[in-house]
Amino acid sequence: MLWLEKFVKAGQPLFSIYARNYRAAIAQYEASVAAADVAVASIEQSILLQRDMIDQARANLDSAEAERTRASLDRTRYGCPQCFGDAPAL
């Protein structure tokens, strides 16, 4: 250590840092980064799952719309109101 009123020589340490505190802080920050990486990966996986669910819902909607169109065409083609729920209620 350097004491007051002494000359400094080349290569002589001026002060020392207690490295244990810095190593502990670095380890804590690295753990925080790792936890954030895990959270990001989990969210990305959730996004992929939600996209798959959206795609499935769109496919179901397309299927239902096609079925509705087919039923409407059948109704027009065969002209059978009671077959398609247009019969008067009893």
PDB file of N, CA and C in Angstrom:
ATOM      1  N   MET A   1       0.835  -1.184   0.000  1.00  0.00           N
ATOM      2  CA  MET A   1       0.000   0.000   0.000  1.00  0.00           C
ATOM      3  C   MET A   1       0.876   1.244   0.000  1.00  0.00           C
ATOM      4  N   LEU A   2       0.327   2.258  -0.549  1.00  0.00           N
ATOM      5  CA  LEU A   2       1.036   3.538  -0.633  1.00  0.00           C
ATOM      6  C   LEU A   2       0.635   4.406   0.545  1.00  0.00           C
ATOM      7  N   TRP A   3       1.601   4.916   1.218  1.00  0.00           N
ATOM      8  CA  TRP A   3       1.317   5.816   2.338  1.00  0.00           C
ATOM      9  C   TRP A   3       1.617   7.234   1.909  1.00  0.00           C
ATOM     10  N   LEU A   4       0.998   8.155   2.582  1.00  0.00           N
ATOM     11  CA  LEU A   4       1.198   9.562   2.257  1.00  0.00           C
ATOM     12  C   LEU A   4       2.670   9.945   2.326  1.00  0.00           C
ATOM     13  N   GLU A   5       3.045  10.914   1.491  1.00  0.00           N
ATOM     14  CA  GLU A   5       4.369  11.500   1.437  1.00  0.00           C
ATOM     15  C   GLU A   5       5.445  10.513   0.988  1.00  0.00           C
ATOM     16  N   LYS A   6       5.076   9.580   0.160  1.00  0.00           N
ATOM     17  CA  LYS A   6       6.060   8.686  -0.428  1.00  0.00           C
ATOM     18  C   LYS A   6       5.960   8.826  -1.928  1.00  0.00           C
ATOM     19  N   PHE A   7       7.074   8.653  -2.560  1.00  0.00           N
ATOM     20  CA  PHE A   7       7.086   8.719  -4.016  1.00  0.00           C
ATOM     21  C   PHE A   7       6.649   7.384  -4.596  1.00  0.00           C
ATOM     22  N   VAL A   8       5.998   7.472  -5.720  1.00  0.00           N
ATOM     23  CA  VAL A   8       5.515   6.277  -6.376  1.00  0.00           C
ATOM     24  C   VAL A   8       6.556   5.847  -7.391  1.00  0.00           C
ATOM     25  N   LYS A   9       6.861   4.570  -7.392  1.00  0.00           N
ATOM     26  CA  LYS A   9       7.798   4.023  -8.360  1.00  0.00           C
ATOM     27  C   LYS A   9       7.020   3.313  -9.452  1.00  0.00           C
ATOM     28  N   ALA A  10       7.575   3.218 -10.608  1.00  0.00           N
ATOM     29  CA  ALA A  10       6.922   2.552 -11.734  1.00  0.00           C
ATOM     30  C   ALA A  10       6.604   1.110 -11.363  1.00  0.00           C
ATOM     31  N   GLY A  11       5.365   0.708 -11.641  1.00  0.00           N
ATOM     32  CA  GLY A  11       4.938  -0.657 -11.360  1.00  0.00           C
ATOM     33  C   GLY A  11       4.461  -0.876  -9.949  1.00  0.00           C
ATOM     34  N   GLN A  12       4.592   0.127  -9.089  1.00  0.00           N
ATOM     35  CA  GLN A  12       4.171  -0.015  -7.702  1.00  0.00           C
ATOM     36  C   GLN A  12       2.648   0.140  -7.615  1.00  0.00           C
ATOM     37  N   PRO A  13       1.945  -0.783  -6.927  1.00  0.00           N
ATOM     38  CA  PRO A  13       0.506  -0.644  -6.785  1.00  0.00           C
ATOM     39  C   PRO A  13       0.151   0.594  -5.969  1.00  0.00           C
ATOM     40  N   LEU A  14      -0.844   1.335  -6.447  1.00  0.00           N
ATOM     41  CA  LEU A  14      -1.296   2.513  -5.722  1.00  0.00           C
ATOM     42  C   LEU A  14      -2.368   2.152  -4.697  1.00  0.00           C
ATOM     43  N   PHE A  15      -3.140   1.130  -5.006  1.00  0.00           N
ATOM     44  CA  PHE A  15      -4.183   0.673  -4.092  1.00  0.00           C
ATOM     45  C   PHE A  15      -4.566  -0.744  -4.488  1.00  0.00           C
ATOM     46  N   SER A  16      -5.280  -1.390  -3.618  1.00  0.00           N
ATOM     47  CA  SER A  16      -5.768  -2.732  -3.943  1.00  0.00           C
ATOM     48  C   SER A  16      -7.288  -2.764  -3.746  1.00  0.00           C
ATOM     49  N   ILE A  17      -7.913  -3.572  -4.536  1.00  0.00           N
ATOM     50  CA  ILE A  17      -9.368  -3.715  -4.486  1.00  0.00           C
ATOM     51  C   ILE A  17      -9.676  -5.066  -3.860  1.00  0.00           C
ATOM     52  N   TYR A  18     -10.625  -5.061  -2.964  1.00  0.00           N
ATOM     53  CA  TYR A  18     -11.046  -6.300  -2.337  1.00  0.00           C
ATOM     54  C   TYR A  18     -11.920  -7.032  -3.342  1.00  0.00           C
ATOM     55  N   ALA A  19     -11.338  -8.005  -4.003  1.00  0.00           N
ATOM     56  CA  ALA A  19     -11.958  -8.642  -5.158  1.00  0.00           C
ATOM     57  C   ALA A  19     -13.165  -9.502  -4.801  1.00  0.00           C
ATOM     58  N   ARG A  20     -13.274  -9.994  -3.583  1.00  0.00           N
ATOM     59  CA  ARG A  20     -14.365 -10.883  -3.226  1.00  0.00           C
ATOM     60  C   ARG A  20     -15.730 -10.205  -3.445  1.00  0.00           C
ATOM     61  N   ASN A  21     -15.848  -8.935  -3.091  1.00  0.00           N
ATOM     62  CA  ASN A  21     -17.111  -8.217  -3.286  1.00  0.00           C
ATOM     63  C   ASN A  21     -17.468  -8.118  -4.762  1.00  0.00           C
ATOM     64  N   TYR A  22     -16.475  -7.840  -5.598  1.00  0.00           N
ATOM     65  CA  TYR A  22     -16.735  -7.717  -7.025  1.00  0.00           C
ATOM     66  C   TYR A  22     -17.071  -9.074  -7.644  1.00  0.00           C
ATOM     67  N   ARG A  23     -16.389 -10.111  -7.220  1.00  0.00           N
ATOM     68  CA  ARG A  23     -16.704 -11.450  -7.728  1.00  0.00           C
ATOM     69  C   ARG A  23     -18.122 -11.865  -7.341  1.00  0.00           C
ATOM     70  N   ALA A  24     -18.513 -11.548  -6.117  1.00  0.00           N
ATOM     71  CA  ALA A  24     -19.871 -11.874  -5.663  1.00  0.00           C
ATOM     72  C   ALA A  24     -20.908 -11.098  -6.481  1.00  0.00           C
ATOM     73  N   ALA A  25     -20.633  -9.833  -6.745  1.00  0.00           N
ATOM     74  CA  ALA A  25     -21.560  -9.027  -7.537  1.00  0.00           C
ATOM     75  C   ALA A  25     -21.656  -9.561  -8.958  1.00  0.00           C
ATOM     76  N   ILE A  26     -20.537  -9.936  -9.542  1.00  0.00           N
ATOM     77  CA  ILE A  26     -20.534 -10.486 -10.894  1.00  0.00           C
ATOM     78  C   ILE A  26     -21.320 -11.796 -10.930  1.00  0.00           C
ATOM     79  N   ALA A  27     -21.115 -12.645  -9.940  1.00  0.00           N
ATOM     80  CA  ALA A  27     -21.849 -13.914  -9.875  1.00  0.00           C
ATOM     81  C   ALA A  27     -23.356 -13.657  -9.761  1.00  0.00           C
ATOM     82  N   GLN A  28     -23.734 -12.658  -8.969  1.00  0.00           N
ATOM     83  CA  GLN A  28     -25.141 -12.324  -8.815  1.00  0.00           C
ATOM     84  C   GLN A  28     -25.718 -11.813 -10.144  1.00  0.00           C
ATOM     85  N   TYR A  29     -24.989 -10.963 -10.842  1.00  0.00           N
ATOM     86  CA  TYR A  29     -25.471 -10.448 -12.127  1.00  0.00           C
ATOM     87  C   TYR A  29     -25.546 -11.557 -13.174  1.00  0.00           C
ATOM     88  N   GLU A  30     -24.580 -12.460 -13.159  1.00  0.00           N
ATOM     89  CA  GLU A  30     -24.622 -13.586 -14.100  1.00  0.00           C
ATOM     90  C   GLU A  30     -25.824 -14.483 -13.819  1.00  0.00           C
ATOM     91  N   ALA A  31     -26.149 -14.686 -12.555  1.00  0.00           N
ATOM     92  CA  ALA A  31     -27.320 -15.482 -12.194  1.00  0.00           C
ATOM     93  C   ALA A  31     -28.598 -14.765 -12.645  1.00  0.00           C
ATOM     94  N   SER A  32     -28.627 -13.449 -12.514  1.00  0.00           N
ATOM     95  CA  SER A  32     -29.792 -12.683 -12.965  1.00  0.00           C
ATOM     96  C   SER A  32     -29.957 -12.790 -14.476  1.00  0.00           C
ATOM     97  N   VAL A  33     -28.853 -12.732 -15.196  1.00  0.00           N
ATOM     98  CA  VAL A  33     -28.903 -12.862 -16.656  1.00  0.00           C
ATOM     99  C   VAL A  33     -29.388 -14.262 -17.039  1.00  0.00           C
ATOM    100  N   ALA A  34     -28.898 -15.276 -16.352  1.00  0.00           N
ATOM    101  CA  ALA A  34     -29.332 -16.647 -16.640  1.00  0.00           C
ATOM    102  C   ALA A  34     -30.824 -16.805 -16.367  1.00  0.00           C
ATOM    103  N   ALA A  35     -31.315 -16.241 -15.280  1.00  0.00           N
ATOM    104  CA  ALA A  35     -32.742 -16.319 -14.968  1.00  0.00           C
ATOM    105  C   ALA A  35     -33.566 -15.593 -16.025  1.00  0.00           C
ATOM    106  N   ALA A  36     -33.072 -14.454 -16.487  1.00  0.00           N
ATOM    107  CA  ALA A  36     -33.777 -13.712 -17.535  1.00  0.00           C
ATOM    108  C   ALA A  36     -33.787 -14.508 -18.837  1.00  0.00           C
ATOM    109  N   ASP A  37     -32.689 -15.185 -19.145  1.00  0.00           N
ATOM    110  CA  ASP A  37     -32.638 -16.031 -20.347  1.00  0.00           C
ATOM    111  C   ASP A  37     -33.678 -17.147 -20.274  1.00  0.00           C
ATOM    112  N   VAL A  38     -33.823 -17.748 -19.112  1.00  0.00           N
ATOM    113  CA  VAL A  38     -34.819 -18.809 -18.930  1.00  0.00           C
ATOM    114  C   VAL A  38     -36.220 -18.232 -19.107  1.00  0.00           C
ATOM    115  N   ALA A  39     -36.467 -17.047 -18.558  1.00  0.00           N
ATOM    116  CA  ALA A  39     -37.779 -16.415 -18.691  1.00  0.00           C
ATOM    117  C   ALA A  39     -38.084 -16.106 -20.159  1.00  0.00           C
ATOM    118  N   VAL A  40     -37.092 -15.610 -20.874  1.00  0.00           N
ATOM    119  CA  VAL A  40     -37.275 -15.305 -22.299  1.00  0.00           C
ATOM    120  C   VAL A  40     -37.582 -16.584 -23.078  1.00  0.00           C
ATOM    121  N   ALA A  41     -36.851 -17.638 -22.801  1.00  0.00           N
ATOM    122  CA  ALA A  41     -37.083 -18.909 -23.492  1.00  0.00           C
ATOM    123  C   ALA A  41     -38.490 -19.429 -23.204  1.00  0.00           C
ATOM    124  N   SER A  42     -38.937 -19.288 -21.972  1.00  0.00           N
ATOM    125  CA  SER A  42     -40.282 -19.726 -21.602  1.00  0.00           C
ATOM    126  C   SER A  42     -41.341 -18.913 -22.341  1.00  0.00           C
ATOM    127  N   ILE A  43     -41.146 -17.616 -22.424  1.00  0.00           N
ATOM    128  CA  ILE A  43     -42.098 -16.750 -23.130  1.00  0.00           C
ATOM    129  C   ILE A  43     -42.099 -17.066 -24.617  1.00  0.00           C
ATOM    130  N   GLU A  44     -40.925 -17.305 -25.185  1.00  0.00           N
ATOM    131  CA  GLU A  44     -40.860 -17.657 -26.607  1.00  0.00           C
ATOM    132  C   GLU A  44     -41.601 -18.967 -26.876  1.00  0.00           C
ATOM    133  N   GLN A  45     -41.452 -19.931 -25.983  1.00  0.00           N
ATOM    134  CA  GLN A  45     -42.156 -21.203 -26.132  1.00  0.00           C
ATOM    135  C   GLN A  45     -43.664 -20.992 -26.034  1.00  0.00           C
ATOM    136  N   SER A  46     -44.075 -20.136 -25.116  1.00  0.00           N
ATOM    137  CA  SER A  46     -45.491 -19.822 -24.962  1.00  0.00           C
ATOM    138  C   SER A  46     -46.040 -19.148 -26.217  1.00  0.00           C
ATOM    139  N   ILE A  47     -45.263 -18.274 -26.821  1.00  0.00           N
ATOM    140  CA  ILE A  47     -45.680 -17.602 -28.059  1.00  0.00           C
ATOM    141  C   ILE A  47     -45.878 -18.631 -29.167  1.00  0.00           C
ATOM    142  N   LEU A  48     -44.942 -19.576 -29.283  1.00  0.00           N
ATOM    143  CA  LEU A  48     -45.086 -20.612 -30.304  1.00  0.00           C
ATOM    144  C   LEU A  48     -46.347 -21.438 -30.088  1.00  0.00           C
ATOM    145  N   LEU A  49     -46.620 -21.787 -28.852  1.00  0.00           N
ATOM    146  CA  LEU A  49     -47.818 -22.558 -28.531  1.00  0.00           C
ATOM    147  C   LEU A  49     -49.075 -21.758 -28.872  1.00  0.00           C
ATOM    148  N   GLN A  50     -49.075 -20.478 -28.533  1.00  0.00           N
ATOM    149  CA  GLN A  50     -50.237 -19.641 -28.834  1.00  0.00           C
ATOM    150  C   GLN A  50     -50.425 -19.482 -30.341  1.00  0.00           C
ATOM    151  N   ARG A  51     -49.338 -19.368 -31.081  1.00  0.00           N
ATOM    152  CA  ARG A  51     -49.454 -19.288 -32.542  1.00  0.00           C
ATOM    153  C   ARG A  51     -50.070 -20.563 -33.106  1.00  0.00           C
ATOM    154  N   ASP A  52     -49.653 -21.713 -32.555  1.00  0.00           N
ATOM    155  CA  ASP A  52     -50.245 -22.986 -32.994  1.00  0.00           C
ATOM    156  C   ASP A  52     -51.739 -23.025 -32.690  1.00  0.00           C
ATOM    157  N   MET A  53     -52.119 -22.532 -31.520  1.00  0.00           N
ATOM    158  CA  MET A  53     -53.534 -22.507 -31.145  1.00  0.00           C
ATOM    159  C   MET A  53     -54.323 -21.572 -32.065  1.00  0.00           C
ATOM    160  N   ILE A  54     -53.732 -20.439 -32.416  1.00  0.00           N
ATOM    161  CA  ILE A  54     -54.379 -19.496 -33.332  1.00  0.00           C
ATOM    162  C   ILE A  54     -54.543 -20.138 -34.704  1.00  0.00           C
ATOM    163  N   ASP A  55     -53.506 -20.805 -35.175  1.00  0.00           N
ATOM    164  CA  ASP A  55     -53.600 -21.486 -36.476  1.00  0.00           C
ATOM    165  C   ASP A  55     -54.698 -22.540 -36.471  1.00  0.00           C
ATOM    166  N   GLN A  56     -54.808 -23.290 -35.381  1.00  0.00           N
ATOM    167  CA  GLN A  56     -55.855 -24.303 -35.269  1.00  0.00           C
ATOM    168  C   GLN A  56     -57.228 -23.658 -35.259  1.00  0.00           C
ATOM    169  N   ALA A  57     -57.377 -22.560 -34.530  1.00  0.00           N
ATOM    170  CA  ALA A  57     -58.661 -21.862 -34.482  1.00  0.00           C
ATOM    171  C   ALA A  57     -59.032 -21.319 -35.867  1.00  0.00           C
ATOM    172  N   ARG A  58     -58.056 -20.813 -36.596  1.00  0.00           N
ATOM    173  CA  ARG A  58     -58.328 -20.331 -37.957  1.00  0.00           C
ATOM    174  C   ARG A  58     -58.767 -21.480 -38.862  1.00  0.00           C
ATOM    175  N   ALA A  59     -58.109 -22.621 -38.720  1.00  0.00           N
ATOM    176  CA  ALA A  59     -58.489 -23.788 -39.521  1.00  0.00           C
ATOM    177  C   ALA A  59     -59.909 -24.227 -39.174  1.00  0.00           C
ATOM    178  N   ASN A  60     -60.258 -24.214 -37.896  1.00  0.00           N
ATOM    179  CA  ASN A  60     -61.622 -24.564 -37.482  1.00  0.00           C
ATOM    180  C   ASN A  60     -62.634 -23.573 -38.049  1.00  0.00           C
ATOM    181  N   LEU A  61     -62.283 -22.296 -38.035  1.00  0.00           N
ATOM    182  CA  LEU A  61     -63.172 -21.283 -38.594  1.00  0.00           C
ATOM    183  C   LEU A  61     -63.351 -21.486 -40.094  1.00  0.00           C
ATOM    184  N   ASP A  62     -62.263 -21.731 -40.801  1.00  0.00           N
ATOM    185  CA  ASP A  62     -62.354 -21.987 -42.243  1.00  0.00           C
ATOM    186  C   ASP A  62     -63.239 -23.195 -42.532  1.00  0.00           C
ATOM    187  N   SER A  63     -63.091 -24.234 -41.739  1.00  0.00           N
ATOM    188  CA  SER A  63     -63.902 -25.438 -41.912  1.00  0.00           C
ATOM    189  C   SER A  63     -65.376 -25.136 -41.668  1.00  0.00           C
ATOM    190  N   ALA A  64     -65.672 -24.379 -40.614  1.00  0.00           N
ATOM    191  CA  ALA A  64     -67.059 -24.043 -40.298  1.00  0.00           C
ATOM    192  C   ALA A  64     -67.666 -23.165 -41.399  1.00  0.00           C
ATOM    193  N   GLU A  65     -66.879 -22.225 -41.907  1.00  0.00           N
ATOM    194  CA  GLU A  65     -67.387 -21.380 -42.992  1.00  0.00           C
ATOM    195  C   GLU A  65     -67.644 -22.205 -44.259  1.00  0.00           C
ATOM    196  N   ALA A  66     -66.779 -23.148 -44.547  1.00  0.00           N
ATOM    197  CA  ALA A  66     -66.978 -24.015 -45.715  1.00  0.00           C
ATOM    198  C   ALA A  66     -68.233 -24.863 -45.528  1.00  0.00           C
ATOM    199  N   GLU A  67     -68.435 -25.370 -44.326  1.00  0.00           N
ATOM    200  CA  GLU A  67     -69.635 -26.175 -44.046  1.00  0.00           C
ATOM    201  C   GLU A  67     -70.895 -25.328 -44.177  1.00  0.00           C
ATOM    202  N   ARG A  68     -70.844 -24.085 -43.708  1.00  0.00           N
ATOM    203  CA  ARG A  68     -71.987 -23.183 -43.832  1.00  0.00           C
ATOM    204  C   ARG A  68     -72.293 -22.915 -45.307  1.00  0.00           C
ATOM    205  N   THR A  69     -71.252 -22.676 -46.091  1.00  0.00           N
ATOM    206  CA  THR A  69     -71.438 -22.439 -47.527  1.00  0.00           C
ATOM    207  C   THR A  69     -72.042 -23.669 -48.197  1.00  0.00           C
ATOM    208  N   ARG A  70     -71.528 -24.847 -47.843  1.00  0.00           N
ATOM    209  CA  ARG A  70     -72.057 -26.086 -48.415  1.00  0.00           C
ATOM    210  C   ARG A  70     -73.526 -26.266 -48.053  1.00  0.00           C
ATOM    211  N   ALA A  71     -73.869 -26.004 -46.815  1.00  0.00           N
ATOM    212  CA  ALA A  71     -75.262 -26.149 -46.373  1.00  0.00           C
ATOM    213  C   ALA A  71     -76.155 -25.148 -47.093  1.00  0.00           C
ATOM    214  N   SER A  72     -75.682 -23.950 -47.280  1.00  0.00           N
ATOM    215  CA  SER A  72     -76.463 -22.937 -47.988  1.00  0.00           C
ATOM    216  C   SER A  72     -76.689 -23.340 -49.443  1.00  0.00           C
ATOM    217  N   LEU A  73     -75.652 -23.874 -50.070  1.00  0.00           N
ATOM    218  CA  LEU A  73     -75.794 -24.336 -51.455  1.00  0.00           C
ATOM    219  C   LEU A  73     -76.743 -25.524 -51.546  1.00  0.00           C
ATOM    220  N   ASP A  74     -76.669 -26.417 -50.572  1.00  0.00           N
ATOM    221  CA  ASP A  74     -77.588 -27.560 -50.544  1.00  0.00           C
ATOM    222  C   ASP A  74     -79.026 -27.077 -50.400  1.00  0.00           C
ATOM    223  N   ARG A  75     -79.221 -26.099 -49.559  1.00  0.00           N
ATOM    224  CA  ARG A  75     -80.563 -25.561 -49.350  1.00  0.00           C
ATOM    225  C   ARG A  75     -81.097 -24.971 -50.653  1.00  0.00           C
ATOM    226  N   THR A  76     -80.252 -24.213 -51.322  1.00  0.00           N
ATOM    227  CA  THR A  76     -80.660 -23.632 -52.597  1.00  0.00           C
ATOM    228  C   THR A  76     -80.914 -24.712 -53.632  1.00  0.00           C
ATOM    229  N   ARG A  77     -80.061 -25.674 -53.677  1.00  0.00           N
ATOM    230  CA  ARG A  77     -80.169 -26.740 -54.674  1.00  0.00           C
ATOM    231  C   ARG A  77     -81.412 -27.595 -54.459  1.00  0.00           C
ATOM    232  N   TYR A  78     -81.662 -28.000 -53.214  1.00  0.00           N
ATOM    233  CA  TYR A  78     -82.745 -28.951 -52.964  1.00  0.00           C
ATOM    234  C   TYR A  78     -84.051 -28.293 -52.526  1.00  0.00           C
ATOM    235  N   GLY A  79     -83.995 -27.038 -52.115  1.00  0.00           N
ATOM    236  CA  GLY A  79     -85.198 -26.310 -51.721  1.00  0.00           C
ATOM    237  C   GLY A  79     -86.009 -27.006 -50.654  1.00  0.00           C
ATOM    238  N   CYS A  80     -85.381 -27.438 -49.630  1.00  0.00           N
ATOM    239  CA  CYS A  80     -86.050 -28.200 -48.574  1.00  0.00           C
ATOM    240  C   CYS A  80     -85.951 -27.411 -47.264  1.00  0.00           C
ATOM    241  N   PRO A  81     -86.859 -26.460 -47.002  1.00  0.00           N
ATOM    242  CA  PRO A  81     -86.751 -25.623 -45.807  1.00  0.00           C
ATOM    243  C   PRO A  81     -86.778 -26.422 -44.511  1.00  0.00           C
ATOM    244  N   GLN A  82     -87.611 -27.464 -44.448  1.00  0.00           N
ATOM    245  CA  GLN A  82     -87.664 -28.228 -43.209  1.00  0.00           C
ATOM    246  C   GLN A  82     -86.371 -28.989 -42.935  1.00  0.00           C
ATOM    247  N   CYS A  83     -85.585 -29.215 -43.987  1.00  0.00           N
ATOM    248  CA  CYS A  83     -84.297 -29.918 -43.812  1.00  0.00           C
ATOM    249  C   CYS A  83     -83.245 -29.004 -43.205  1.00  0.00           C
ATOM    250  N   PHE A  84     -83.484 -27.710 -43.267  1.00  0.00           N
ATOM    251  CA  PHE A  84     -82.446 -26.769 -42.833  1.00  0.00           C
ATOM    252  C   PHE A  84     -82.904 -25.861 -41.715  1.00  0.00           C
ATOM    253  N   GLY A  85     -83.905 -26.275 -40.985  1.00  0.00           N
ATOM    254  CA  GLY A  85     -84.311 -25.519 -39.823  1.00  0.00           C
ATOM    255  C   GLY A  85     -85.233 -24.362 -40.102  1.00  0.00           C
ATOM    256  N   ASP A  86     -85.779 -24.206 -41.335  1.00  0.00           N
ATOM    257  CA  ASP A  86     -86.680 -23.109 -41.637  1.00  0.00           C
ATOM    258  C   ASP A  86     -88.139 -23.517 -41.529  1.00  0.00           C
ATOM    259  N   ALA A  87     -88.377 -24.754 -41.129  1.00  0.00           N
ATOM    260  CA  ALA A  87     -89.764 -25.210 -41.009  1.00  0.00           C
ATOM    261  C   ALA A  87     -90.423 -24.475 -39.861  1.00  0.00           C
ATOM    262  N   PRO A  88     -91.721 -24.182 -39.972  1.00  0.00           N
ATOM    263  CA  PRO A  88     -92.410 -23.499 -38.881  1.00  0.00           C
ATOM    264  C   PRO A  88     -92.389 -24.350 -37.619  1.00  0.00           C
ATOM    265  N   ALA A  89     -92.276 -23.691 -36.511  1.00  0.00           N
ATOM    266  CA  ALA A  89     -92.256 -24.399 -35.224  1.00  0.00           C
ATOM    267  C   ALA A  89     -93.637 -24.940 -34.905  1.00  0.00           C
ATOM    268  N   LEU A  90     -93.686 -26.087 -34.317  1.00  0.00           N
ATOM    269  CA  LEU A  90     -94.953 -26.702 -33.947  1.00  0.00           C
ATOM    270  C   LEU A  90     -95.353 -26.324 -32.559  1.00  0.00           C
TER     271      LEU A  90
END
